[in-house]
Amino acid sequence: MGEGKSVGRLVEVHGLQNATHFNGKVGEIAKFLPHRQRYEVQFYQGGAPSGSASIAPENLCVLRKKSTLVSGKPFKRKVNYFPTILKKQD
């Protein structure tokens, strides 16, 4: 699946070594940053945007295929790890 199709997916951040405060946070993919090979993830608090971060695919786990965060309470069923979903097709 291409990077453009990932916009809107809910993800949970995990495995960060430096910015550990993002680990466990849930956000929504806003866009793919091709020059950095990362995803811009938008975070919410109380239903309102509360910041964003540029995160590598190996540090994202998909919670739901497509959605928008509503009231900051996303559906928390982990689907699988992001690199598997976004594997490039040759």
C-alpha atoms as a PDB file:
ATOM      1  CA  MET A   1       0.000   0.000   0.000  1.00  0.00           C
ATOM      2  CA  GLY A   2       1.346   3.439  -0.876  1.00  0.00           C
ATOM      3  CA  GLU A   3       2.164   6.192   1.552  1.00  0.00           C
ATOM      4  CA  GLY A   4      -0.717   8.385   0.376  1.00  0.00           C
ATOM      5  CA  LYS A   5      -3.251   5.748   1.377  1.00  0.00           C
ATOM      6  CA  SER A   6      -2.020   5.848   4.972  1.00  0.00           C
ATOM      7  CA  VAL A   7      -3.439   9.326   5.677  1.00  0.00           C
ATOM      8  CA  GLY A   8      -6.206   9.103   8.257  1.00  0.00           C
ATOM      9  CA  ARG A   9      -5.046   5.852   9.820  1.00  0.00           C
ATOM     10  CA  LEU A  10      -4.973   5.713  13.600  1.00  0.00           C
ATOM     11  CA  VAL A  11      -1.619   4.650  15.009  1.00  0.00           C
ATOM     12  CA  GLU A  12       0.026   4.104  18.369  1.00  0.00           C
ATOM     13  CA  VAL A  13       3.643   5.159  18.868  1.00  0.00           C
ATOM     14  CA  HIS A  14       6.075   2.659  20.384  1.00  0.00           C
ATOM     15  CA  GLY A  15       9.786   1.981  20.727  1.00  0.00           C
ATOM     16  CA  LEU A  16      11.112   5.543  20.628  1.00  0.00           C
ATOM     17  CA  GLN A  17      14.442   5.893  22.434  1.00  0.00           C
ATOM     18  CA  ASN A  18      14.833   9.695  22.500  1.00  0.00           C
ATOM     19  CA  ALA A  19      11.318  11.162  22.512  1.00  0.00           C
ATOM     20  CA  THR A  20       9.944   8.565  24.929  1.00  0.00           C
ATOM     21  CA  HIS A  21       7.052  10.847  25.931  1.00  0.00           C
ATOM     22  CA  PHE A  22       5.379   9.885  22.607  1.00  0.00           C
ATOM     23  CA  ASN A  23       5.470   6.142  23.361  1.00  0.00           C
ATOM     24  CA  GLY A  24       1.933   4.863  23.961  1.00  0.00           C
ATOM     25  CA  LYS A  25       0.315   7.951  22.440  1.00  0.00           C
ATOM     26  CA  VAL A  26      -2.357   7.522  19.794  1.00  0.00           C
ATOM     27  CA  GLY A  27      -2.530   9.800  16.777  1.00  0.00           C
ATOM     28  CA  GLU A  28      -3.687  10.078  13.201  1.00  0.00           C
ATOM     29  CA  ILE A  29      -1.417   9.992  10.140  1.00  0.00           C
ATOM     30  CA  ALA A  30      -1.518  13.497   8.624  1.00  0.00           C
ATOM     31  CA  LYS A  31       0.951  12.983   5.762  1.00  0.00           C
ATOM     32  CA  PHE A  32       4.016  11.123   4.543  1.00  0.00           C
ATOM     33  CA  LEU A  33       7.316  13.021   4.447  1.00  0.00           C
ATOM     34  CA  PRO A  34       9.204  11.372   1.554  1.00  0.00           C
ATOM     35  CA  HIS A  35      12.464  13.283   2.089  1.00  0.00           C
ATOM     36  CA  ARG A  36      12.641  11.923   5.665  1.00  0.00           C
ATOM     37  CA  GLN A  37      10.889   8.572   5.086  1.00  0.00           C
ATOM     38  CA  ARG A  38       8.679   9.359   8.090  1.00  0.00           C
ATOM     39  CA  TYR A  39       5.052  10.062   8.847  1.00  0.00           C
ATOM     40  CA  GLU A  40       3.687  13.253  10.330  1.00  0.00           C
ATOM     41  CA  VAL A  41       1.393  12.082  13.136  1.00  0.00           C
ATOM     42  CA  GLN A  42      -1.215  14.468  14.560  1.00  0.00           C
ATOM     43  CA  PHE A  43      -2.071  13.976  18.236  1.00  0.00           C
ATOM     44  CA  TYR A  44      -5.309  15.028  19.952  1.00  0.00           C
ATOM     45  CA  GLN A  45      -6.372  15.809  23.478  1.00  0.00           C
ATOM     46  CA  GLY A  46     -10.030  16.187  24.357  1.00  0.00           C
ATOM     47  CA  GLY A  47     -10.940  16.077  20.666  1.00  0.00           C
ATOM     48  CA  ALA A  48      -8.708  19.051  19.771  1.00  0.00           C
ATOM     49  CA  PRO A  49      -5.321  18.900  18.024  1.00  0.00           C
ATOM     50  CA  SER A  50      -2.526  18.961  20.599  1.00  0.00           C
ATOM     51  CA  GLY A  51       0.600  18.764  18.453  1.00  0.00           C
ATOM     52  CA  SER A  52       2.340  16.578  15.911  1.00  0.00           C
ATOM     53  CA  ALA A  53       5.566  14.645  15.422  1.00  0.00           C
ATOM     54  CA  SER A  54       7.554  13.114  12.574  1.00  0.00           C
ATOM     55  CA  ILE A  55       7.846   9.373  13.295  1.00  0.00           C
ATOM     56  CA  ALA A  56       9.493   6.452  11.457  1.00  0.00           C
ATOM     57  CA  PRO A  57       7.193   3.628  10.266  1.00  0.00           C
ATOM     58  CA  GLU A  58       8.869   1.034  12.492  1.00  0.00           C
ATOM     59  CA  ASN A  59       7.699   3.050  15.518  1.00  0.00           C
ATOM     60  CA  LEU A  60       4.024   3.026  14.525  1.00  0.00           C
ATOM     61  CA  CYS A  61       1.390   0.374  15.102  1.00  0.00           C
ATOM     62  CA  VAL A  62      -1.936   0.638  13.265  1.00  0.00           C
ATOM     63  CA  LEU A  63      -4.979   0.678  15.543  1.00  0.00           C
ATOM     64  CA  ARG A  64      -7.648   0.997  12.883  1.00  0.00           C
ATOM     65  CA  LYS A  65      -7.493   1.130   9.108  1.00  0.00           C
ATOM     66  CA  LYS A  66      -9.088   4.571   8.573  1.00  0.00           C
ATOM     67  CA  SER A  67     -10.863   6.943  10.897  1.00  0.00           C
ATOM     68  CA  THR A  68     -10.750  10.303  12.555  1.00  0.00           C
ATOM     69  CA  LEU A  69     -10.162  10.691  16.246  1.00  0.00           C
ATOM     70  CA  VAL A  70     -13.380  11.697  17.950  1.00  0.00           C
ATOM     71  CA  SER A  71     -13.280  13.097  21.472  1.00  0.00           C
ATOM     72  CA  GLY A  72      -9.729  11.785  21.821  1.00  0.00           C
ATOM     73  CA  LYS A  73     -11.070   8.243  22.298  1.00  0.00           C
ATOM     74  CA  PRO A  74      -9.880   6.083  19.401  1.00  0.00           C
ATOM     75  CA  PHE A  75     -10.757   2.453  18.905  1.00  0.00           C
ATOM     76  CA  LYS A  76      -7.791   0.662  20.540  1.00  0.00           C
ATOM     77  CA  ARG A  77      -7.605  -2.660  18.711  1.00  0.00           C
ATOM     78  CA  LYS A  78      -4.138  -3.153  17.277  1.00  0.00           C
ATOM     79  CA  VAL A  79      -4.249  -4.423  13.715  1.00  0.00           C
ATOM     80  CA  ASN A  80      -0.545  -4.971  12.976  1.00  0.00           C
ATOM     81  CA  TYR A  81       2.712  -3.130  12.620  1.00  0.00           C
ATOM     82  CA  PHE A  82       2.914  -0.322  10.089  1.00  0.00           C
ATOM     83  CA  PRO A  83       5.888  -1.493   7.988  1.00  0.00           C
ATOM     84  CA  THR A  84       3.902  -4.585   6.974  1.00  0.00           C
ATOM     85  CA  ILE A  85       0.974  -2.491   5.783  1.00  0.00           C
ATOM     86  CA  LEU A  86       3.076   0.013   3.895  1.00  0.00           C
ATOM     87  CA  LYS A  87       5.463  -2.409   2.195  1.00  0.00           C
ATOM     88  CA  LYS A  88       6.336  -0.949  -1.206  1.00  0.00           C
ATOM     89  CA  GLN A  89       5.274  -2.945  -4.219  1.00  0.00           C
ATOM     90  CA  ASP A  90       7.854  -3.314  -6.992  1.00  0.00           C
END
